[in-house]
Amino acid sequence: MRIAEKDPQLKKAVSRLIALSEDEQTRLLAESREKLQRDIVARENAAKKEGWEAAQLTVARRLLSRGAPIDEIVSITELSPEAIRTLH
């Protein structure tokens, strides 16, 4: 027996979803909203990553200026050795 058939609220939700899916305009609108939400999350994640990388590069520059070895900087910043070498 399917789970939706056992739970009245879930059964109602599934019925509503099926009804909405059958209306092309409503379905397209829902798909557009989902795509927008995914795009927003992707942009936020990209911005966070950029900010993190910029901060790590700043730390790496400071450590390099103080004579820290590259392997230690890699360990602290989690940047690649190649990224750190480009800062020289």
N, C-alpha and C. Protein backbone atom coordinates (compact mmCIF):
# COMPACT_ATOMS: atom_id res chain seq x y z
N MET A 1 0.85 -1.19 0.00
CA MET A 1 0.00 0.00 0.00
C MET A 1 0.89 1.25 0.00
N ARG A 2 0.56 2.22 -0.80
CA ARG A 2 1.36 3.43 -0.88
C ARG A 2 1.17 4.27 0.38
N ILE A 3 2.21 4.99 0.74
CA ILE A 3 2.19 5.83 1.95
C ILE A 3 1.11 6.89 1.86
N ALA A 4 0.94 7.49 0.69
CA ALA A 4 -0.04 8.56 0.52
C ALA A 4 -1.45 8.07 0.80
N GLU A 5 -1.71 6.82 0.54
CA GLU A 5 -3.05 6.28 0.77
C GLU A 5 -3.32 6.07 2.26
N LYS A 6 -2.30 5.92 3.06
CA LYS A 6 -2.45 5.70 4.50
C LYS A 6 -2.67 6.99 5.27
N ASP A 7 -2.09 8.09 4.80
CA ASP A 7 -2.15 9.37 5.51
C ASP A 7 -3.10 10.31 4.77
N PRO A 8 -4.23 10.69 5.40
CA PRO A 8 -5.22 11.53 4.72
C PRO A 8 -4.65 12.89 4.27
N GLN A 9 -3.79 13.50 5.09
CA GLN A 9 -3.22 14.80 4.72
C GLN A 9 -2.28 14.64 3.53
N LEU A 10 -1.49 13.61 3.54
CA LEU A 10 -0.58 13.35 2.43
C LEU A 10 -1.36 13.02 1.17
N LYS A 11 -2.43 12.26 1.31
CA LYS A 11 -3.27 11.93 0.16
C LYS A 11 -3.87 13.19 -0.45
N LYS A 12 -4.32 14.11 0.40
CA LYS A 12 -4.88 15.37 -0.08
C LYS A 12 -3.81 16.20 -0.80
N ALA A 13 -2.59 16.25 -0.22
CA ALA A 13 -1.51 17.00 -0.84
C ALA A 13 -1.14 16.43 -2.20
N VAL A 14 -1.09 15.10 -2.30
CA VAL A 14 -0.77 14.46 -3.57
C VAL A 14 -1.84 14.77 -4.61
N SER A 15 -3.11 14.72 -4.19
CA SER A 15 -4.21 15.03 -5.10
C SER A 15 -4.10 16.48 -5.60
N ARG A 16 -3.77 17.39 -4.70
CA ARG A 16 -3.63 18.80 -5.06
C ARG A 16 -2.46 18.99 -6.04
N LEU A 17 -1.36 18.31 -5.75
CA LEU A 17 -0.19 18.38 -6.63
C LEU A 17 -0.52 17.87 -8.02
N ILE A 18 -1.25 16.78 -8.09
CA ILE A 18 -1.63 16.24 -9.40
C ILE A 18 -2.52 17.23 -10.14
N ALA A 19 -3.48 17.82 -9.43
CA ALA A 19 -4.38 18.79 -10.06
C ALA A 19 -3.60 19.99 -10.57
N LEU A 20 -2.67 20.50 -9.77
CA LEU A 20 -1.87 21.65 -10.21
C LEU A 20 -0.96 21.30 -11.37
N SER A 21 -0.44 20.08 -11.37
CA SER A 21 0.46 19.65 -12.43
C SER A 21 -0.24 19.58 -13.77
N GLU A 22 -1.53 19.33 -13.74
CA GLU A 22 -2.28 19.21 -14.98
C GLU A 22 -2.53 20.56 -15.65
N ASP A 23 -2.49 21.63 -14.88
CA ASP A 23 -2.67 22.97 -15.44
C ASP A 23 -1.30 23.48 -15.90
N GLU A 24 -1.12 23.57 -17.19
CA GLU A 24 0.18 23.92 -17.77
C GLU A 24 0.72 25.25 -17.26
N GLN A 25 -0.11 26.27 -17.21
CA GLN A 25 0.36 27.59 -16.77
C GLN A 25 0.82 27.54 -15.31
N THR A 26 0.06 26.86 -14.46
CA THR A 26 0.44 26.75 -13.05
C THR A 26 1.73 25.96 -12.91
N ARG A 27 1.86 24.89 -13.69
CA ARG A 27 3.07 24.07 -13.64
C ARG A 27 4.29 24.88 -14.08
N LEU A 28 4.15 25.64 -15.15
CA LEU A 28 5.27 26.45 -15.64
C LEU A 28 5.66 27.53 -14.63
N LEU A 29 4.66 28.13 -13.99
CA LEU A 29 4.93 29.12 -12.95
C LEU A 29 5.68 28.50 -11.78
N ALA A 30 5.25 27.31 -11.36
CA ALA A 30 5.92 26.62 -10.25
C ALA A 30 7.36 26.27 -10.63
N GLU A 31 7.56 25.81 -11.86
CA GLU A 31 8.91 25.48 -12.31
C GLU A 31 9.79 26.73 -12.34
N SER A 32 9.22 27.85 -12.76
CA SER A 32 9.98 29.11 -12.79
C SER A 32 10.39 29.53 -11.39
N ARG A 33 9.47 29.39 -10.45
CA ARG A 33 9.79 29.74 -9.06
C ARG A 33 10.90 28.86 -8.51
N GLU A 34 10.81 27.55 -8.79
CA GLU A 34 11.84 26.62 -8.32
C GLU A 34 13.20 26.97 -8.92
N LYS A 35 13.22 27.30 -10.22
CA LYS A 35 14.48 27.68 -10.88
C LYS A 35 15.04 28.95 -10.25
N LEU A 36 14.19 29.92 -9.98
CA LEU A 36 14.64 31.16 -9.35
C LEU A 36 15.25 30.87 -7.99
N GLN A 37 14.62 30.03 -7.19
CA GLN A 37 15.15 29.69 -5.88
C GLN A 37 16.52 29.01 -6.00
N ARG A 38 16.65 28.08 -6.96
CA ARG A 38 17.94 27.41 -7.17
C ARG A 38 19.01 28.40 -7.59
N ASP A 39 18.65 29.35 -8.47
CA ASP A 39 19.59 30.37 -8.93
C ASP A 39 20.05 31.26 -7.77
N ILE A 40 19.11 31.64 -6.92
CA ILE A 40 19.45 32.48 -5.76
C ILE A 40 20.43 31.76 -4.85
N VAL A 41 20.15 30.51 -4.56
CA VAL A 41 21.03 29.72 -3.69
C VAL A 41 22.41 29.58 -4.33
N ALA A 42 22.45 29.32 -5.63
CA ALA A 42 23.74 29.17 -6.33
C ALA A 42 24.56 30.45 -6.27
N ARG A 43 23.89 31.60 -6.47
CA ARG A 43 24.61 32.89 -6.39
C ARG A 43 25.12 33.15 -4.98
N GLU A 44 24.30 32.85 -3.98
CA GLU A 44 24.73 33.05 -2.60
C GLU A 44 25.93 32.17 -2.27
N ASN A 45 25.89 30.92 -2.72
CA ASN A 45 27.02 30.01 -2.47
C ASN A 45 28.28 30.49 -3.18
N ALA A 46 28.13 30.97 -4.40
CA ALA A 46 29.30 31.48 -5.14
C ALA A 46 29.89 32.70 -4.44
N ALA A 47 29.04 33.58 -3.94
CA ALA A 47 29.52 34.78 -3.24
C ALA A 47 30.24 34.40 -1.96
N LYS A 48 29.70 33.44 -1.24
CA LYS A 48 30.36 32.98 0.00
C LYS A 48 31.73 32.39 -0.31
N LYS A 49 31.79 31.59 -1.39
CA LYS A 49 33.06 30.97 -1.76
C LYS A 49 34.09 32.04 -2.16
N GLU A 50 33.63 33.03 -2.92
CA GLU A 50 34.54 34.12 -3.33
C GLU A 50 35.06 34.87 -2.11
N GLY A 51 34.18 35.15 -1.18
CA GLY A 51 34.58 35.86 0.04
C GLY A 51 35.56 35.06 0.86
N TRP A 52 35.30 33.75 0.96
CA TRP A 52 36.20 32.88 1.71
C TRP A 52 37.57 32.85 1.05
N GLU A 53 37.60 32.68 -0.27
CA GLU A 53 38.88 32.62 -0.98
C GLU A 53 39.66 33.94 -0.85
N ALA A 54 38.96 35.05 -0.94
CA ALA A 54 39.63 36.35 -0.80
C ALA A 54 40.23 36.50 0.58
N ALA A 55 39.51 36.06 1.60
CA ALA A 55 40.03 36.14 2.97
C ALA A 55 41.24 35.24 3.14
N GLN A 56 41.18 34.05 2.57
CA GLN A 56 42.31 33.11 2.69
C GLN A 56 43.54 33.65 1.95
N LEU A 57 43.33 34.30 0.82
CA LEU A 57 44.45 34.88 0.10
C LEU A 57 45.09 36.01 0.90
N THR A 58 44.28 36.78 1.60
CA THR A 58 44.81 37.85 2.46
C THR A 58 45.66 37.25 3.57
N VAL A 59 45.17 36.19 4.17
CA VAL A 59 45.93 35.51 5.24
C VAL A 59 47.22 34.96 4.66
N ALA A 60 47.14 34.34 3.48
CA ALA A 60 48.34 33.77 2.86
C ALA A 60 49.39 34.84 2.58
N ARG A 61 48.95 36.00 2.08
CA ARG A 61 49.90 37.10 1.82
C ARG A 61 50.60 37.53 3.11
N ARG A 62 49.85 37.65 4.17
CA ARG A 62 50.43 38.07 5.45
C ARG A 62 51.43 37.03 5.96
N LEU A 63 51.07 35.76 5.83
CA LEU A 63 51.99 34.71 6.28
C LEU A 63 53.25 34.69 5.43
N LEU A 64 53.09 34.87 4.12
CA LEU A 64 54.27 34.93 3.24
C LEU A 64 55.17 36.09 3.62
N SER A 65 54.57 37.23 3.92
CA SER A 65 55.37 38.40 4.27
C SER A 65 56.13 38.19 5.59
N ARG A 66 55.65 37.28 6.40
CA ARG A 66 56.33 36.97 7.67
C ARG A 66 57.27 35.77 7.55
N GLY A 67 57.41 35.27 6.31
CA GLY A 67 58.37 34.20 6.06
C GLY A 67 57.86 32.80 6.35
N ALA A 68 56.57 32.61 6.46
CA ALA A 68 56.04 31.27 6.73
C ALA A 68 56.26 30.38 5.52
N PRO A 69 56.59 29.11 5.75
CA PRO A 69 56.78 28.19 4.63
C PRO A 69 55.44 27.88 3.94
N ILE A 70 55.52 27.58 2.64
CA ILE A 70 54.32 27.35 1.84
C ILE A 70 53.48 26.20 2.40
N ASP A 71 54.12 25.11 2.83
CA ASP A 71 53.34 23.98 3.34
C ASP A 71 52.55 24.35 4.60
N GLU A 72 53.09 25.24 5.40
CA GLU A 72 52.38 25.71 6.59
C GLU A 72 51.18 26.59 6.18
N ILE A 73 51.40 27.43 5.17
CA ILE A 73 50.33 28.30 4.68
C ILE A 73 49.20 27.46 4.07
N VAL A 74 49.57 26.42 3.33
CA VAL A 74 48.58 25.50 2.76
C VAL A 74 47.74 24.89 3.88
N SER A 75 48.41 24.46 4.93
CA SER A 75 47.72 23.84 6.06
C SER A 75 46.76 24.81 6.74
N ILE A 76 47.18 26.06 6.89
CA ILE A 76 46.36 27.05 7.58
C ILE A 76 45.20 27.54 6.71
N THR A 77 45.47 27.83 5.45
CA THR A 77 44.46 28.47 4.59
C THR A 77 43.65 27.49 3.76
N GLU A 78 44.13 26.27 3.58
CA GLU A 78 43.51 25.27 2.72
C GLU A 78 43.54 25.67 1.24
N LEU A 79 44.39 26.64 0.91
CA LEU A 79 44.61 26.99 -0.49
C LEU A 79 45.61 26.02 -1.08
N SER A 80 45.65 25.93 -2.41
CA SER A 80 46.62 25.05 -3.06
C SER A 80 47.99 25.70 -3.03
N PRO A 81 49.04 24.89 -3.07
CA PRO A 81 50.40 25.45 -3.12
C PRO A 81 50.58 26.36 -4.34
N GLU A 82 49.94 26.02 -5.46
CA GLU A 82 50.07 26.83 -6.66
C GLU A 82 49.45 28.21 -6.44
N ALA A 83 48.31 28.26 -5.79
CA ALA A 83 47.67 29.55 -5.51
C ALA A 83 48.56 30.42 -4.63
N ILE A 84 49.22 29.80 -3.69
CA ILE A 84 50.10 30.56 -2.78
C ILE A 84 51.35 31.02 -3.51
N ARG A 85 51.89 30.16 -4.37
CA ARG A 85 53.10 30.55 -5.11
C ARG A 85 52.86 31.75 -6.02
N THR A 86 51.62 31.89 -6.52
CA THR A 86 51.33 33.03 -7.38
C THR A 86 51.35 34.35 -6.61
N LEU A 87 51.32 34.28 -5.30
CA LEU A 87 51.32 35.49 -4.48
C LEU A 87 52.72 36.04 -4.27
N HIS A 88 53.73 35.25 -4.57
CA HIS A 88 55.14 35.69 -4.37
C HIS A 88 55.43 36.92 -5.16
